């Protein structure tokens, strides 16, 4: 095997979390930064807390608000379509129907 194609291995790479926790692992990177680790993740800690990475919660709330707006528009469109269909049913369909309605 070629020796120059393999990345350098760091057996004591430092992993540091946003909560302040730090530990060592083997990696090809000398240091690694993470947002969430086992010490601060809600699943492992049992605490309820929001983890908002890059505004994801705000983006979700914005999309949900837009979806509610679209739902209202769709309901209005269905109502308009229903009214138009009723008007079509009331209107005479052919010349013969119109003549029969006059008699």
PDB file of N, CA and C in Angstrom:
ATOM      1  N   UNK A   1       0.825  -1.187   0.000  1.00  0.00           N
ATOM      2  CA  UNK A   1       0.000   0.000   0.000  1.00  0.00           C
ATOM      3  C   UNK A   1       0.867   1.248   0.000  1.00  0.00           C
ATOM      4  N   UNK A   2       0.310   2.300  -0.580  1.00  0.00           N
ATOM      5  CA  UNK A   2       1.045   3.563  -0.596  1.00  0.00           C
ATOM      6  C   UNK A   2       0.904   4.255   0.753  1.00  0.00           C
ATOM      7  N   UNK A   3       1.998   4.755   1.273  1.00  0.00           N
ATOM      8  CA  UNK A   3       1.971   5.404   2.578  1.00  0.00           C
ATOM      9  C   UNK A   3       1.500   6.853   2.493  1.00  0.00           C
ATOM     10  N   UNK A   4       1.622   7.486   1.362  1.00  0.00           N
ATOM     11  CA  UNK A   4       1.307   8.911   1.251  1.00  0.00           C
ATOM     12  C   UNK A   4      -0.173   9.197   1.028  1.00  0.00           C
ATOM     13  N   UNK A   5      -0.967   8.186   0.707  1.00  0.00           N
ATOM     14  CA  UNK A   5      -2.377   8.460   0.400  1.00  0.00           C
ATOM     15  C   UNK A   5      -3.269   8.437   1.639  1.00  0.00           C
ATOM     16  N   UNK A   6      -2.784   7.924   2.755  1.00  0.00           N
ATOM     17  CA  UNK A   6      -3.613   7.821   3.952  1.00  0.00           C
ATOM     18  C   UNK A   6      -3.531   9.103   4.777  1.00  0.00           C
ATOM     19  N   UNK A   7      -4.667   9.558   5.329  1.00  0.00           N
ATOM     20  CA  UNK A   7      -4.639  10.768   6.161  1.00  0.00           C
ATOM     21  C   UNK A   7      -3.946  10.493   7.493  1.00  0.00           C
ATOM     22  N   UNK A   8      -3.492  11.551   8.122  1.00  0.00           N
ATOM     23  CA  UNK A   8      -2.816  11.410   9.407  1.00  0.00           C
ATOM     24  C   UNK A   8      -3.851  11.091  10.484  1.00  0.00           C
ATOM     25  N   UNK A   9      -3.526  10.151  11.344  1.00  0.00           N
ATOM     26  CA  UNK A   9      -4.433   9.714  12.403  1.00  0.00           C
ATOM     27  C   UNK A   9      -4.022  10.343  13.728  1.00  0.00           C
ATOM     28  N   UNK A  10      -4.998  10.959  14.394  1.00  0.00           N
ATOM     29  CA  UNK A  10      -4.764  11.555  15.708  1.00  0.00           C
ATOM     30  C   UNK A  10      -5.498  10.698  16.743  1.00  0.00           C
ATOM     31  N   UNK A  11      -4.785   9.892  17.527  1.00  0.00           N
ATOM     32  CA  UNK A  11      -5.461   9.015  18.492  1.00  0.00           C
ATOM     33  C   UNK A  11      -6.105   9.782  19.652  1.00  0.00           C
ATOM     34  N   UNK A  12      -5.631  10.988  19.931  1.00  0.00           N
ATOM     35  CA  UNK A  12      -6.186  11.782  21.026  1.00  0.00           C
ATOM     36  C   UNK A  12      -6.743  13.106  20.504  1.00  0.00           C
ATOM     37  N   UNK A  13      -7.672  13.027  19.562  1.00  0.00           N
ATOM     38  CA  UNK A  13      -8.291  14.240  19.025  1.00  0.00           C
ATOM     39  C   UNK A  13      -9.257  14.806  20.062  1.00  0.00           C
ATOM     40  N   UNK A  14      -9.232  16.104  20.232  1.00  0.00           N
ATOM     41  CA  UNK A  14     -10.054  16.781  21.237  1.00  0.00           C
ATOM     42  C   UNK A  14     -11.415  17.131  20.631  1.00  0.00           C
ATOM     43  N   UNK A  15     -12.503  16.658  21.268  1.00  0.00           N
ATOM     44  CA  UNK A  15     -13.867  16.998  20.862  1.00  0.00           C
ATOM     45  C   UNK A  15     -14.412  17.958  21.908  1.00  0.00           C
ATOM     46  N   UNK A  16     -14.818  19.146  21.480  1.00  0.00           N
ATOM     47  CA  UNK A  16     -15.370  20.123  22.420  1.00  0.00           C
ATOM     48  C   UNK A  16     -16.789  20.487  21.988  1.00  0.00           C
ATOM     49  N   UNK A  17     -17.689  20.480  22.966  1.00  0.00           N
ATOM     50  CA  UNK A  17     -19.106  20.743  22.719  1.00  0.00           C
ATOM     51  C   UNK A  17     -19.430  22.194  23.070  1.00  0.00           C
ATOM     52  N   UNK A  18     -20.547  22.684  22.570  1.00  0.00           N
ATOM     53  CA  UNK A  18     -20.980  24.049  22.862  1.00  0.00           C
ATOM     54  C   UNK A  18     -21.351  24.217  24.335  1.00  0.00           C
ATOM     55  N   UNK A  19     -21.703  23.116  25.010  1.00  0.00           N
ATOM     56  CA  UNK A  19     -22.066  23.197  26.429  1.00  0.00           C
ATOM     57  C   UNK A  19     -20.839  23.269  27.332  1.00  0.00           C
ATOM     58  N   UNK A  20     -19.651  23.044  26.778  1.00  0.00           N
ATOM     59  CA  UNK A  20     -18.426  23.104  27.563  1.00  0.00           C
ATOM     60  C   UNK A  20     -17.812  21.741  27.832  1.00  0.00           C
ATOM     61  N   UNK A  21     -18.519  20.688  27.518  1.00  0.00           N
ATOM     62  CA  UNK A  21     -18.001  19.335  27.711  1.00  0.00           C
ATOM     63  C   UNK A  21     -16.897  19.064  26.691  1.00  0.00           C
ATOM     64  N   UNK A  22     -15.854  18.347  27.106  1.00  0.00           N
ATOM     65  CA  UNK A  22     -14.754  18.005  26.205  1.00  0.00           C
ATOM     66  C   UNK A  22     -14.322  16.568  26.480  1.00  0.00           C
ATOM     67  N   UNK A  23     -13.985  15.849  25.416  1.00  0.00           N
ATOM     68  CA  UNK A  23     -13.487  14.483  25.554  1.00  0.00           C
ATOM     69  C   UNK A  23     -12.581  14.180  24.379  1.00  0.00           C
ATOM     70  N   UNK A  24     -11.894  13.053  24.449  1.00  0.00           N
ATOM     71  CA  UNK A  24     -10.925  12.692  23.414  1.00  0.00           C
ATOM     72  C   UNK A  24     -11.374  11.428  22.693  1.00  0.00           C
ATOM     73  N   UNK A  25     -11.162  11.428  21.376  1.00  0.00           N
ATOM     74  CA  UNK A  25     -11.458  10.273  20.525  1.00  0.00           C
ATOM     75  C   UNK A  25     -10.371  10.172  19.469  1.00  0.00           C
ATOM     76  N   UNK A  26     -10.363   9.083  18.731  1.00  0.00           N
ATOM     77  CA  UNK A  26      -9.451   8.952  17.606  1.00  0.00           C
ATOM     78  C   UNK A  26     -10.102   9.503  16.351  1.00  0.00           C
ATOM     79  N   UNK A  27      -9.357  10.295  15.592  1.00  0.00           N
ATOM     80  CA  UNK A  27      -9.933  10.918  14.406  1.00  0.00           C
ATOM     81  C   UNK A  27      -8.826  11.361  13.460  1.00  0.00           C
ATOM     82  N   UNK A  28      -9.214  11.712  12.238  1.00  0.00           N
ATOM     83  CA  UNK A  28      -8.249  12.272  11.291  1.00  0.00           C
ATOM     84  C   UNK A  28      -8.166  13.785  11.430  1.00  0.00           C
ATOM     85  N   UNK A  29      -9.056  14.362  12.254  1.00  0.00           N
ATOM     86  CA  UNK A  29      -9.011  15.790  12.559  1.00  0.00           C
ATOM     87  C   UNK A  29      -8.373  15.978  13.932  1.00  0.00           C
ATOM     88  N   UNK A  30      -7.629  17.046  14.085  1.00  0.00           N
ATOM     89  CA  UNK A  30      -6.937  17.279  15.353  1.00  0.00           C
ATOM     90  C   UNK A  30      -7.900  17.746  16.448  1.00  0.00           C
ATOM     91  N   UNK A  31      -8.871  18.568  16.074  1.00  0.00           N
ATOM     92  CA  UNK A  31      -9.884  19.015  17.036  1.00  0.00           C
ATOM     93  C   UNK A  31     -11.238  19.091  16.327  1.00  0.00           C
ATOM     94  N   UNK A  32     -12.294  18.775  17.074  1.00  0.00           N
ATOM     95  CA  UNK A  32     -13.648  18.736  16.520  1.00  0.00           C
ATOM     96  C   UNK A  32     -14.552  19.557  17.434  1.00  0.00           C
ATOM     97  N   UNK A  33     -15.411  20.399  16.828  1.00  0.00           N
ATOM     98  CA  UNK A  33     -16.387  21.173  17.597  1.00  0.00           C
ATOM     99  C   UNK A  33     -17.784  20.679  17.226  1.00  0.00           C
ATOM    100  N   UNK A  34     -18.605  20.399  18.247  1.00  0.00           N
ATOM    101  CA  UNK A  34     -19.965  19.923  18.029  1.00  0.00           C
ATOM    102  C   UNK A  34     -20.942  20.815  18.791  1.00  0.00           C
ATOM    103  N   UNK A  35     -22.197  20.838  18.338  1.00  0.00           N
ATOM    104  CA  UNK A  35     -23.230  21.639  18.992  1.00  0.00           C
ATOM    105  C   UNK A  35     -23.868  20.888  20.161  1.00  0.00           C
ATOM    106  N   UNK A  36     -24.043  19.580  19.999  1.00  0.00           N
ATOM    107  CA  UNK A  36     -24.733  18.769  20.996  1.00  0.00           C
ATOM    108  C   UNK A  36     -23.912  17.516  21.268  1.00  0.00           C
ATOM    109  N   UNK A  37     -23.809  17.160  22.535  1.00  0.00           N
ATOM    110  CA  UNK A  37     -23.121  15.918  22.905  1.00  0.00           C
ATOM    111  C   UNK A  37     -24.042  15.121  23.829  1.00  0.00           C
ATOM    112  N   UNK A  38     -23.587  13.968  24.283  1.00  0.00           N
ATOM    113  CA  UNK A  38     -24.400  13.128  25.154  1.00  0.00           C
ATOM    114  C   UNK A  38     -24.654  13.787  26.507  1.00  0.00           C
ATOM    115  N   UNK A  39     -23.829  14.721  26.895  1.00  0.00           N
ATOM    116  CA  UNK A  39     -23.989  15.378  28.190  1.00  0.00           C
ATOM    117  C   UNK A  39     -25.090  16.443  28.164  1.00  0.00           C
ATOM    118  N   UNK A  40     -25.367  17.019  26.997  1.00  0.00           N
ATOM    119  CA  UNK A  40     -26.366  18.087  26.931  1.00  0.00           C
ATOM    120  C   UNK A  40     -27.569  17.751  26.047  1.00  0.00           C
ATOM    121  N   UNK A  41     -27.591  16.597  25.379  1.00  0.00           N
ATOM    122  CA  UNK A  41     -28.709  16.238  24.509  1.00  0.00           C
ATOM    123  C   UNK A  41     -29.943  15.914  25.355  1.00  0.00           C
ATOM    124  N   UNK A  42     -31.126  16.437  24.996  1.00  0.00           N
ATOM    125  CA  UNK A  42     -32.336  16.214  25.797  1.00  0.00           C
ATOM    126  C   UNK A  42     -32.694  14.735  25.969  1.00  0.00           C
ATOM    127  N   UNK A  43     -32.393  13.902  25.007  1.00  0.00           N
ATOM    128  CA  UNK A  43     -32.718  12.481  25.118  1.00  0.00           C
ATOM    129  C   UNK A  43     -31.940  11.836  26.257  1.00  0.00           C
ATOM    130  N   UNK A  44     -30.694  12.202  26.401  1.00  0.00           N
ATOM    131  CA  UNK A  44     -29.848  11.601  27.428  1.00  0.00           C
ATOM    132  C   UNK A  44     -30.007  12.270  28.788  1.00  0.00           C
ATOM    133  N   UNK A  45     -30.317  13.548  28.814  1.00  0.00           N
ATOM    134  CA  UNK A  45     -30.436  14.259  30.087  1.00  0.00           C
ATOM    135  C   UNK A  45     -31.833  14.155  30.678  1.00  0.00           C
ATOM    136  N   UNK A  46     -32.853  13.933  29.852  1.00  0.00           N
ATOM    137  CA  UNK A  46     -34.224  13.858  30.334  1.00  0.00           C
ATOM    138  C   UNK A  46     -34.855  15.216  30.558  1.00  0.00           C
ATOM    139  N   UNK A  47     -34.185  16.281  30.202  1.00  0.00           N
ATOM    140  CA  UNK A  47     -34.713  17.629  30.355  1.00  0.00           C
ATOM    141  C   UNK A  47     -35.352  18.079  29.052  1.00  0.00           C
ATOM    142  N   UNK A  48     -36.407  18.876  29.186  1.00  0.00           N
ATOM    143  CA  UNK A  48     -37.051  19.433  28.002  1.00  0.00           C
ATOM    144  C   UNK A  48     -36.423  20.784  27.719  1.00  0.00           C
ATOM    145  N   UNK A  49     -35.739  20.890  26.604  1.00  0.00           N
ATOM    146  CA  UNK A  49     -35.185  22.175  26.198  1.00  0.00           C
ATOM    147  C   UNK A  49     -35.121  22.212  24.680  1.00  0.00           C
ATOM    148  N   UNK A  50     -35.228  23.402  24.165  1.00  0.00           N
ATOM    149  CA  UNK A  50     -35.200  23.578  22.723  1.00  0.00           C
ATOM    150  C   UNK A  50     -33.762  23.770  22.263  1.00  0.00           C
ATOM    151  N   UNK A  51     -33.399  23.007  21.258  1.00  0.00           N
ATOM    152  CA  UNK A  51     -32.071  23.132  20.677  1.00  0.00           C
ATOM    153  C   UNK A  51     -32.270  23.730  19.297  1.00  0.00           C
ATOM    154  N   UNK A  52     -31.942  24.987  19.174  1.00  0.00           N
ATOM    155  CA  UNK A  52     -32.183  25.712  17.934  1.00  0.00           C
ATOM    156  C   UNK A  52     -30.858  25.923  17.220  1.00  0.00           C
ATOM    157  N   UNK A  53     -30.605  25.092  16.237  1.00  0.00           N
ATOM    158  CA  UNK A  53     -29.387  25.232  15.443  1.00  0.00           C
ATOM    159  C   UNK A  53     -29.730  25.990  14.173  1.00  0.00           C
ATOM    160  N   UNK A  54     -29.161  27.147  14.010  1.00  0.00           N
ATOM    161  CA  UNK A  54     -29.324  27.988  12.819  1.00  0.00           C
ATOM    162  C   UNK A  54     -30.775  28.410  12.592  1.00  0.00           C
ATOM    163  N   UNK A  55     -31.525  28.692  13.653  1.00  0.00           N
ATOM    164  CA  UNK A  55     -32.875  29.224  13.517  1.00  0.00           C
ATOM    165  C   UNK A  55     -33.885  28.239  12.972  1.00  0.00           C
ATOM    166  N   UNK A  56     -33.711  26.965  13.199  1.00  0.00           N
ATOM    167  CA  UNK A  56     -34.622  25.964  12.641  1.00  0.00           C
ATOM    168  C   UNK A  56     -36.011  26.061  13.248  1.00  0.00           C
ATOM    169  N   UNK A  57     -36.090  26.361  14.527  1.00  0.00           N
ATOM    170  CA  UNK A  57     -37.394  26.492  15.170  1.00  0.00           C
ATOM    171  C   UNK A  57     -38.146  27.675  14.569  1.00  0.00           C
ATOM    172  N   UNK A  58     -37.463  28.793  14.389  1.00  0.00           N
ATOM    173  CA  UNK A  58     -38.099  29.969  13.791  1.00  0.00           C
ATOM    174  C   UNK A  58     -38.534  29.691  12.358  1.00  0.00           C
ATOM    175  N   UNK A  59     -37.701  28.981  11.595  1.00  0.00           N
ATOM    176  CA  UNK A  59     -38.075  28.637  10.218  1.00  0.00           C
ATOM    177  C   UNK A  59     -39.306  27.741  10.209  1.00  0.00           C
ATOM    178  N   UNK A  60     -39.365  26.780  11.142  1.00  0.00           N
ATOM    179  CA  UNK A  60     -40.516  25.887  11.219  1.00  0.00           C
ATOM    180  C   UNK A  60     -41.783  26.672  11.546  1.00  0.00           C
ATOM    181  N   UNK A  61     -41.696  27.582  12.520  1.00  0.00           N
ATOM    182  CA  UNK A  61     -42.860  28.387  12.888  1.00  0.00           C
ATOM    183  C   UNK A  61     -43.321  29.245  11.720  1.00  0.00           C
ATOM    184  N   UNK A  62     -42.380  29.788  10.959  1.00  0.00           N
ATOM    185  CA  UNK A  62     -42.713  30.611   9.798  1.00  0.00           C
ATOM    186  C   UNK A  62     -43.424  29.771   8.734  1.00  0.00           C
ATOM    187  N   UNK A  63     -42.912  28.569   8.464  1.00  0.00           N
ATOM    188  CA  UNK A  63     -43.543  27.691   7.475  1.00  0.00           C
ATOM    189  C   UNK A  63     -44.934  27.271   7.925  1.00  0.00           C
ATOM    190  N   UNK A  64     -45.093  27.018   9.217  1.00  0.00           N
ATOM    191  CA  UNK A  64     -46.393  26.617   9.740  1.00  0.00           C
ATOM    192  C   UNK A  64     -47.407  27.750   9.585  1.00  0.00           C
ATOM    193  N   UNK A  65     -46.963  28.977   9.842  1.00  0.00           N
ATOM    194  CA  UNK A  65     -47.833  30.138   9.684  1.00  0.00           C
ATOM    195  C   UNK A  65     -48.247  30.297   8.220  1.00  0.00           C
ATOM    196  N   UNK A  66     -47.298  30.107   7.301  1.00  0.00           N
ATOM    197  CA  UNK A  66     -47.612  30.186   5.876  1.00  0.00           C
ATOM    198  C   UNK A  66     -48.597  29.094   5.484  1.00  0.00           C
ATOM    199  N   UNK A  67     -48.431  27.899   6.041  1.00  0.00           N
ATOM    200  CA  UNK A  67     -49.326  26.789   5.718  1.00  0.00           C
ATOM    201  C   UNK A  67     -50.748  27.095   6.176  1.00  0.00           C
ATOM    202  N   UNK A  68     -50.900  27.714   7.333  1.00  0.00           N
ATOM    203  CA  UNK A  68     -52.231  28.087   7.800  1.00  0.00           C
ATOM    204  C   UNK A  68     -52.859  29.122   6.873  1.00  0.00           C
ATOM    205  N   UNK A  69     -52.049  30.064   6.390  1.00  0.00           N
ATOM    206  CA  UNK A  69     -52.547  31.059   5.441  1.00  0.00           C
ATOM    207  C   UNK A  69     -52.998  30.410   4.143  1.00  0.00           C
ATOM    208  N   UNK A  70     -52.231  29.440   3.675  1.00  0.00           N
ATOM    209  CA  UNK A  70     -52.603  28.731   2.451  1.00  0.00           C
ATOM    210  C   UNK A  70     -53.868  27.911   2.659  1.00  0.00           C
ATOM    211  N   UNK A  71     -54.032  27.357   3.839  1.00  0.00           N
ATOM    212  CA  UNK A  71     -55.225  26.565   4.130  1.00  0.00           C
ATOM    213  C   UNK A  71     -56.468  27.438   4.032  1.00  0.00           C
ATOM    214  N   UNK A  72     -56.386  28.646   4.546  1.00  0.00           N
ATOM    215  CA  UNK A  72     -57.516  29.576   4.474  1.00  0.00           C
ATOM    216  C   UNK A  72     -57.814  29.925   3.019  1.00  0.00           C
ATOM    217  N   UNK A  73     -56.773  30.169   2.224  1.00  0.00           N
ATOM    218  CA  UNK A  73     -56.970  30.487   0.809  1.00  0.00           C
ATOM    219  C   UNK A  73     -57.614  29.322   0.071  1.00  0.00           C
ATOM    220  N   UNK A  74     -57.195  28.105   0.380  1.00  0.00           N
ATOM    221  CA  UNK A  74     -57.762  26.921  -0.277  1.00  0.00           C
ATOM    222  C   UNK A  74     -59.235  26.779   0.078  1.00  0.00           C
ATOM    223  N   UNK A  75     -59.576  27.020   1.343  1.00  0.00           N
ATOM    224  CA  UNK A  75     -60.979  26.935   1.752  1.00  0.00           C
ATOM    225  C   UNK A  75     -61.822  27.995   1.047  1.00  0.00           C
ATOM    226  N   UNK A  76     -61.286  29.206   0.900  1.00  0.00           N
ATOM    227  CA  UNK A  76     -62.005  30.263   0.187  1.00  0.00           C
ATOM    228  C   UNK A  76     -62.207  29.880  -1.272  1.00  0.00           C
ATOM    229  N   UNK A  77     -61.195  29.295  -1.883  1.00  0.00           N
ATOM    230  CA  UNK A  77     -61.299  28.879  -3.285  1.00  0.00           C
ATOM    231  C   UNK A  77     -62.353  27.780  -3.441  1.00  0.00           C
ATOM    232  N   UNK A  78     -62.385  26.844  -2.502  1.00  0.00           N
ATOM    233  CA  UNK A  78     -63.393  25.783  -2.560  1.00  0.00           C
ATOM    234  C   UNK A  78     -64.792  26.371  -2.457  1.00  0.00           C
ATOM    235  N   UNK A  79     -64.953  27.360  -1.588  1.00  0.00           N
ATOM    236  CA  UNK A  79     -66.254  28.008  -1.429  1.00  0.00           C
ATOM    237  C   UNK A  79     -66.660  28.719  -2.721  1.00  0.00           C
ATOM    238  N   UNK A  80     -65.726  29.433  -3.342  1.00  0.00           N
ATOM    239  CA  UNK A  80     -66.024  30.110  -4.614  1.00  0.00           C
ATOM    240  C   UNK A  80     -66.386  29.099  -5.692  1.00  0.00           C
ATOM    241  N   UNK A  81     -65.642  28.000  -5.759  1.00  0.00           N
ATOM    242  CA  UNK A  81     -65.928  26.973  -6.758  1.00  0.00           C
ATOM    243  C   UNK A  81     -67.310  26.368  -6.537  1.00  0.00           C
ATOM    244  N   UNK A  82     -67.672  26.183  -5.274  1.00  0.00           N
ATOM    245  CA  UNK A  82     -68.985  25.625  -4.959  1.00  0.00           C
ATOM    246  C   UNK A  82     -70.088  26.584  -5.412  1.00  0.00           C
ATOM    247  N   UNK A  83     -69.896  27.885  -5.177  1.00  0.00           N
ATOM    248  CA  UNK A  83     -70.878  28.886  -5.602  1.00  0.00           C
ATOM    249  C   UNK A  83     -70.997  28.923  -7.119  1.00  0.00           C
ATOM    250  N   UNK A  84     -69.880  28.859  -7.807  1.00  0.00           N
ATOM    251  CA  UNK A  84     -69.910  28.857  -9.279  1.00  0.00           C
ATOM    252  C   UNK A  84     -70.631  27.622  -9.814  1.00  0.00           C
ATOM    253  N   UNK A  85     -70.417  26.485  -9.178  1.00  0.00           N
ATOM    254  CA  UNK A  85     -71.071  25.249  -9.624  1.00  0.00           C
ATOM    255  C   UNK A  85     -72.584  25.351  -9.435  1.00  0.00           C
ATOM    256  N   UNK A  86     -73.013  25.971  -8.343  1.00  0.00           N
ATOM    257  CA  UNK A  86     -74.446  26.164  -8.124  1.00  0.00           C
ATOM    258  C   UNK A  86     -75.040  27.078  -9.187  1.00  0.00           C
ATOM    259  N   UNK A  87     -74.314  28.136  -9.542  1.00  0.00           N
ATOM    260  CA  UNK A  87     -74.785  29.043 -10.591  1.00  0.00           C
ATOM    261  C   UNK A  87     -74.904  28.306 -11.919  1.00  0.00           C
ATOM    262  N   UNK A  88     -73.971  27.441 -12.203  1.00  0.00           N
ATOM    263  CA  UNK A  88     -74.025  26.668 -13.455  1.00  0.00           C
ATOM    264  C   UNK A  88     -75.224  25.733 -13.468  1.00  0.00           C
ATOM    265  N   UNK A  89     -75.544  25.152 -12.323  1.00  0.00           N
ATOM    266  CA  UNK A  89     -76.690  24.242 -12.258  1.00  0.00           C
ATOM    267  C   UNK A  89     -78.000  24.997 -12.453  1.00  0.00           C
ATOM    268  N   UNK A  90     -78.076  26.212 -11.921  1.00  0.00           N
ATOM    269  CA  UNK A  90     -79.296  27.006 -12.048  1.00  0.00           C
ATOM    270  C   UNK A  90     -79.468  27.553 -13.459  1.00  0.00           C
ATOM    271  N   UNK A  91     -78.383  27.835 -14.131  1.00  0.00           N
ATOM    272  CA  UNK A  91     -78.448  28.395 -15.479  1.00  0.00           C
ATOM    273  C   UNK A  91     -78.938  27.323 -16.456  1.00  0.00           C
ATOM    274  N   UNK A  92     -79.733  27.739 -17.468  1.00  0.00           N
ATOM    275  CA  UNK A  92     -80.186  26.764 -18.471  1.00  0.00           C
ATOM    276  C   UNK A  92     -79.001  26.213 -19.260  1.00  0.00           C
ATOM    277  N   UNK A  93     -79.127  24.936 -19.612  1.00  0.00           N
ATOM    278  CA  UNK A  93     -78.003  24.278 -20.258  1.00  0.00           C
ATOM    279  C   UNK A  93     -78.026  24.431 -21.776  1.00  0.00           C
ATOM    280  N   UNK A  94     -79.186  24.524 -22.341  1.00  0.00           N
ATOM    281  CA  UNK A  94     -79.242  24.623 -23.802  1.00  0.00           C
ATOM    282  C   UNK A  94     -80.380  25.562 -24.210  1.00  0.00           C
ATOM    283  N   UNK A  95     -80.459  25.834 -25.501  1.00  0.00           N
ATOM    284  CA  UNK A  95     -81.514  26.699 -26.029  1.00  0.00           C
ATOM    285  C   UNK A  95     -82.880  26.065 -25.798  1.00  0.00           C
ATOM    286  N   UNK A  96     -82.944  24.760 -25.931  1.00  0.00           N
ATOM    287  CA  UNK A  96     -84.197  24.040 -25.722  1.00  0.00           C
ATOM    288  C   UNK A  96     -84.677  24.213 -24.278  1.00  0.00           C
ATOM    289  N   UNK A  97     -83.749  24.124 -23.332  1.00  0.00           N
ATOM    290  CA  UNK A  97     -84.101  24.320 -21.923  1.00  0.00           C
ATOM    291  C   UNK A  97     -84.597  25.744 -21.685  1.00  0.00           C
ATOM    292  N   UNK A  98     -83.966  26.707 -22.356  1.00  0.00           N
ATOM    293  CA  UNK A  98     -84.378  28.097 -22.201  1.00  0.00           C
ATOM    294  C   UNK A  98     -85.796  28.292 -22.740  1.00  0.00           C
ATOM    295  N   UNK A  99     -86.099  27.699 -23.889  1.00  0.00           N
ATOM    296  CA  UNK A  99     -87.435  27.827 -24.473  1.00  0.00           C
ATOM    297  C   UNK A  99     -88.482  27.135 -23.607  1.00  0.00           C
ATOM    298  N   UNK A 100     -88.129  25.991 -23.046  1.00  0.00           N
ATOM    299  CA  UNK A 100     -89.068  25.291 -22.159  1.00  0.00           C
ATOM    300  C   UNK A 100     -89.318  26.089 -20.883  1.00  0.00           C
ATOM    301  N   UNK A 101     -88.329  26.814 -20.417  1.00  0.00           N
ATOM    302  CA  UNK A 101     -88.479  27.614 -19.203  1.00  0.00           C
ATOM    303  C   UNK A 101     -89.417  28.790 -19.437  1.00  0.00           C
ATOM    304  N   UNK A 102     -89.449  29.324 -20.655  1.00  0.00           N
ATOM    305  CA  UNK A 102     -90.314  30.453 -20.978  1.00  0.00           C
ATOM    306  C   UNK A 102     -91.775  30.010 -20.995  1.00  0.00           C
ATOM    307  N   UNK A 103     -92.058  28.828 -21.478  1.00  0.00           N
ATOM    308  CA  UNK A 103     -93.440  28.323 -21.593  1.00  0.00           C
ATOM    309  C   UNK A 103     -94.079  28.054 -20.300  1.00  0.00           C
TER     310      UNK A 103
END
